[in-house]
Amino acid sequence: MFSRLFGKKKEAIEDVSALKAAALDAAIEAARATNPVVHLKVGAEELVDRLLAAMKTKRGVHAESILGALGSLAGFCCVDSALKQAAALNRSGRECGIVVAETSNGNRYYFGDPINYFLAESKLSLWALVGGVINDLGSQDYPNFAEIAGHVAGTIGEPEFGYPRVPEQHKPGDLPINYVREIWPPILPLVEHRAPVLQERITLFGFAVQNVILMGKDVIPAAIAGKLVMECAVPMAKLDPAKLWA
């Protein structure tokens, strides 16, 4: 479904004149002089628009599903960016502080500071941006990153790995790993275009999450929305990209 719909969107974008596309890029570049993250906010809006179009049904868009999808993609972005950073430096993941855990069935999972930096440790990390919008909506019930990370580490290789722990009525329509497998390939060109710098990509996803939490604030409380996002993001930040589409 996502590949088909994103494909249509891609064809529509390609039909727009190169002049208009260049003018938009030029306007964004000019605006960066006063707003250094404007390109990421534009990319976030474009990403949300595509997901809304892809996930819309006769009943509308299921808020929990789009939040689950964005959280899953954001988490995977962390490990993908960390590994690509290491490769760009001609260094192994281990040399950059990425630790690999291998289970008895041969699956590999990634841990370490470079991944956690994107997830929760930088000023524009996913957790920081999720916490920021929760605070803006009048709550201080932020997702407990340490607790979620501990749960994820303890379920590596177990059946419950990657299942978001949220109330039943707020569960997304699919599993995080399925969102990553289906949506990541068609949205990657957009992410690469709007955020060519690896360190900025998680911020683009964080802005997209903020947009959707604000849009759905009357449907799902901000605190639960934030927990759902992080419950999906943290396990997906452990995945081995080489195994997902093998």
Protein backbone atom coordinates (compact mmCIF):
# COMPACT_ATOMS: atom_id res chain seq x y z
CA MET A 1 0.00 0.00 0.00
CA PHE A 2 2.66 2.52 1.03
CA SER A 3 4.91 1.84 -1.95
CA ARG A 4 1.98 2.28 -4.33
CA LEU A 5 0.78 5.50 -2.76
CA PHE A 6 4.22 6.99 -2.26
CA GLY A 7 4.97 6.06 -5.84
CA LYS A 8 1.98 8.06 -7.03
CA LYS A 9 3.11 10.98 -4.92
CA LYS A 10 6.60 10.71 -6.35
CA GLU A 11 5.23 10.72 -9.88
CA ALA A 12 3.17 13.80 -9.07
CA ILE A 13 6.21 15.57 -7.67
CA GLU A 14 8.25 14.67 -10.73
CA ASP A 15 5.53 16.19 -12.93
CA VAL A 16 6.02 19.57 -11.24
CA SER A 17 8.37 21.74 -13.26
CA ALA A 18 12.02 21.77 -12.32
CA LEU A 19 11.74 25.55 -12.10
CA LYS A 20 9.14 25.39 -9.31
CA ALA A 21 11.12 22.75 -7.42
CA ALA A 22 14.29 24.82 -7.72
CA ALA A 23 12.43 27.94 -6.58
CA LEU A 24 11.17 26.14 -3.46
CA ASP A 25 14.64 24.87 -2.63
CA ALA A 26 16.06 28.35 -3.15
CA ALA A 27 13.44 29.90 -0.87
CA ILE A 28 14.18 27.34 1.83
CA GLU A 29 17.92 27.96 1.52
CA ALA A 30 17.41 31.72 1.82
CA ALA A 31 15.20 31.29 4.88
CA ARG A 32 17.91 29.28 6.65
CA ALA A 33 19.80 32.51 7.28
CA THR A 34 17.26 33.39 9.96
CA ASN A 35 15.78 29.95 10.64
CA PRO A 36 18.51 27.28 10.50
CA VAL A 37 16.05 24.40 10.80
CA VAL A 38 13.48 25.57 8.25
CA HIS A 39 14.53 22.87 5.76
CA LEU A 40 13.85 20.22 8.39
CA LYS A 41 10.45 21.68 9.22
CA VAL A 42 9.49 21.75 5.56
CA GLY A 43 10.65 18.16 5.21
CA ALA A 44 8.64 17.20 8.28
CA GLU A 45 5.50 18.73 6.79
CA GLU A 46 6.08 16.92 3.50
CA LEU A 47 6.61 13.62 5.32
CA VAL A 48 3.43 14.01 7.36
CA ASP A 49 1.45 14.93 4.24
CA ARG A 50 2.61 11.78 2.49
CA LEU A 51 1.82 9.58 5.46
CA LEU A 52 -1.62 11.14 5.85
CA ALA A 53 -2.37 10.45 2.19
CA ALA A 54 -1.04 6.89 2.40
CA MET A 55 -2.83 5.96 5.63
CA LYS A 56 -6.17 7.64 5.02
CA THR A 57 -9.24 5.42 4.94
CA LYS A 58 -12.96 6.15 4.65
CA ARG A 59 -12.90 6.75 8.41
CA GLY A 60 -9.98 9.14 8.23
CA VAL A 61 -6.48 8.58 9.58
CA HIS A 62 -5.88 6.45 12.68
CA ALA A 63 -3.84 8.76 14.92
CA GLU A 64 -2.10 5.93 16.75
CA SER A 65 -1.03 4.29 13.50
CA ILE A 66 0.59 7.39 12.05
CA LEU A 67 2.30 8.05 15.39
CA GLY A 68 3.48 4.44 15.50
CA ALA A 69 4.77 4.69 11.96
CA LEU A 70 6.64 7.92 12.63
CA GLY A 71 8.10 6.62 15.88
CA SER A 72 9.26 3.43 14.16
CA LEU A 73 10.85 5.34 11.28
CA ALA A 74 12.49 7.81 13.67
CA GLY A 75 14.00 4.99 15.69
CA PHE A 76 15.35 3.26 12.62
CA CYS A 77 16.74 6.59 11.43
CA CYS A 78 18.93 6.66 14.56
CA VAL A 79 20.71 3.38 13.86
CA ASP A 80 20.83 4.02 10.12
CA SER A 81 22.42 7.44 10.62
CA ALA A 82 24.88 6.19 13.25
CA LEU A 83 26.10 3.36 11.01
CA LYS A 84 26.33 5.66 7.98
CA GLN A 85 28.33 8.16 10.04
CA ALA A 86 30.83 5.45 10.93
CA ALA A 87 31.09 4.36 7.29
CA ALA A 88 31.66 7.96 6.17
CA LEU A 89 34.61 8.13 8.56
CA ASN A 90 35.99 4.82 7.22
CA ARG A 91 35.64 3.38 10.70
CA SER A 92 33.82 0.36 12.01
CA GLY A 93 30.76 0.80 14.15
CA ARG A 94 32.69 -0.59 17.09
CA GLU A 95 35.43 2.02 16.65
CA CYS A 96 32.71 4.69 16.87
CA GLY A 97 31.18 3.25 20.04
CA ILE A 98 28.44 1.11 18.51
CA VAL A 99 28.08 -2.24 20.26
CA VAL A 100 26.66 -5.30 18.50
CA ALA A 101 24.66 -7.96 20.32
CA GLU A 102 24.08 -11.20 18.43
CA THR A 103 21.35 -13.67 19.38
CA SER A 104 21.49 -17.45 19.03
CA ASN A 105 19.56 -17.29 15.75
CA GLY A 106 22.16 -15.01 14.19
CA ASN A 107 20.24 -11.73 14.40
CA ARG A 108 22.23 -8.64 15.33
CA TYR A 109 21.11 -5.67 17.41
CA TYR A 110 22.91 -2.38 17.89
CA PHE A 111 23.53 -0.36 21.05
CA GLY A 112 25.77 2.52 22.05
CA ASP A 113 26.18 6.25 22.54
CA PRO A 114 26.03 7.26 18.85
CA ILE A 115 22.53 5.78 18.60
CA ASN A 116 21.39 7.11 21.98
CA TYR A 117 22.62 10.57 21.01
CA PHE A 118 20.02 10.72 18.25
CA LEU A 119 17.35 9.06 20.35
CA ALA A 120 17.60 11.04 23.56
CA GLU A 121 20.84 12.88 24.26
CA SER A 122 21.08 15.84 21.88
CA LYS A 123 19.10 19.06 22.17
CA LEU A 124 17.20 18.14 19.00
CA SER A 125 16.93 14.40 19.70
CA LEU A 126 13.68 12.55 19.27
CA TRP A 127 13.05 12.37 23.02
CA ALA A 128 13.78 16.09 23.45
CA LEU A 129 11.34 17.08 20.72
CA VAL A 130 8.67 14.71 22.01
CA GLY A 131 9.11 16.11 25.50
CA GLY A 132 8.95 19.64 24.14
CA VAL A 133 5.56 19.21 22.50
CA ILE A 134 4.18 17.37 25.55
CA ASN A 135 5.27 20.34 27.67
CA ASP A 136 3.73 22.81 25.20
CA LEU A 137 0.41 20.98 25.58
CA GLY A 138 0.45 21.44 29.33
CA SER A 139 1.78 18.10 30.55
CA GLN A 140 5.05 17.04 32.16
CA ASP A 141 4.39 13.32 31.85
CA TYR A 142 7.32 12.60 29.57
CA PRO A 143 8.26 9.14 28.27
CA ASN A 144 10.76 7.43 30.58
CA PHE A 145 13.57 6.80 28.14
CA ALA A 146 15.74 4.84 30.58
CA GLU A 147 12.87 2.49 31.48
CA ILE A 148 11.91 1.94 27.84
CA ALA A 149 15.55 1.32 26.87
CA GLY A 150 15.92 -1.17 29.71
CA HIS A 151 12.80 -3.03 28.64
CA VAL A 152 13.98 -3.18 25.04
CA ALA A 153 17.41 -4.46 26.04
CA GLY A 154 15.77 -7.13 28.18
CA THR A 155 13.53 -8.37 25.37
CA ILE A 156 16.16 -8.69 22.63
CA GLY A 157 15.52 -12.00 20.90
CA GLU A 158 12.23 -12.49 22.76
CA PRO A 159 8.69 -12.56 21.27
CA GLU A 160 7.71 -9.32 23.00
CA PHE A 161 10.53 -7.33 21.41
CA GLY A 162 9.19 -4.39 19.43
CA TYR A 163 5.64 -4.47 20.80
CA PRO A 164 4.67 -1.00 22.10
CA ARG A 165 3.39 -1.06 25.68
CA VAL A 166 0.47 1.34 25.50
CA PRO A 167 -3.21 0.92 26.43
CA GLU A 168 -5.09 -1.35 24.04
CA GLN A 169 -7.25 1.48 22.70
CA HIS A 170 -4.13 3.40 21.72
CA LYS A 171 -2.19 0.67 19.94
CA PRO A 172 -1.13 1.32 16.33
CA GLY A 173 -2.56 -0.75 13.51
CA ASP A 174 0.68 -2.60 12.75
CA LEU A 175 3.99 -3.57 14.34
CA PRO A 176 6.90 -1.12 14.27
CA ILE A 177 9.11 -3.44 12.22
CA ASN A 178 6.45 -3.66 9.50
CA TYR A 179 6.21 0.12 9.31
CA VAL A 180 9.98 0.32 8.85
CA ARG A 181 10.10 -2.39 6.21
CA GLU A 182 7.28 -0.91 4.17
CA ILE A 183 7.70 2.84 4.53
CA TRP A 184 11.44 3.49 4.94
CA PRO A 185 12.49 2.77 1.32
CA PRO A 186 9.93 5.07 -0.35
CA ILE A 187 10.42 7.97 2.07
CA LEU A 188 14.22 7.86 2.18
CA PRO A 189 14.68 10.06 -0.94
CA LEU A 190 12.60 12.81 0.71
CA VAL A 191 14.63 12.56 3.91
CA GLU A 192 17.92 12.60 2.00
CA HIS A 193 16.81 15.66 0.02
CA ARG A 194 15.60 17.74 2.94
CA ALA A 195 18.23 16.53 5.42
CA PRO A 196 21.41 15.64 3.50
CA VAL A 197 23.40 15.96 6.75
CA LEU A 198 23.06 12.71 8.69
CA GLN A 199 23.02 14.43 12.07
CA GLU A 200 19.90 16.40 11.10
CA ARG A 201 17.69 13.55 9.98
CA ILE A 202 16.35 12.58 13.38
CA THR A 203 15.32 16.20 13.94
CA LEU A 204 13.23 16.10 10.76
CA PHE A 205 11.42 13.05 12.14
CA GLY A 206 11.08 14.73 15.52
CA PHE A 207 9.40 17.76 13.96
CA ALA A 208 7.05 15.42 12.08
CA VAL A 209 6.16 13.69 15.35
CA GLN A 210 5.47 17.06 16.97
CA ASN A 211 3.14 18.00 14.12
CA VAL A 212 1.11 14.82 14.46
CA ILE A 213 0.91 14.98 18.27
CA LEU A 214 -0.47 18.51 17.92
CA MET A 215 -2.91 17.42 15.21
CA GLY A 216 -4.18 14.53 17.30
CA LYS A 217 -4.21 16.18 20.72
CA ASP A 218 -8.00 15.88 21.02
CA VAL A 219 -7.91 12.17 20.11
CA ILE A 220 -4.91 10.87 22.04
CA PRO A 221 -3.43 12.59 25.12
CA ALA A 222 0.01 14.02 24.48
CA ALA A 223 1.64 11.89 27.20
CA ILE A 224 0.31 8.66 25.70
CA ALA A 225 1.20 9.80 22.20
CA GLY A 226 4.75 10.51 23.32
CA LYS A 227 5.07 7.15 25.03
CA LEU A 228 3.75 5.39 21.92
CA VAL A 229 6.33 7.14 19.75
CA MET A 230 9.24 6.20 22.02
CA GLU A 231 7.97 2.64 22.56
CA CYS A 232 8.15 2.21 18.79
CA ALA A 233 11.36 4.16 18.27
CA VAL A 234 13.68 2.57 20.81
CA PRO A 235 13.45 -1.05 19.60
CA MET A 236 13.64 0.01 15.96
CA ALA A 237 16.88 1.85 16.77
CA LYS A 238 18.42 -1.56 17.57
CA LEU A 239 17.71 -3.23 14.24
CA ASP A 240 20.31 -4.42 11.75
CA PRO A 241 19.58 -2.60 8.46
CA ALA A 242 21.31 -5.36 6.51
CA LYS A 243 18.72 -7.90 7.64
CA LEU A 244 15.51 -5.95 7.04
CA TRP A 245 15.37 -6.23 3.27
CA ALA A 246 17.64 -9.26 2.80
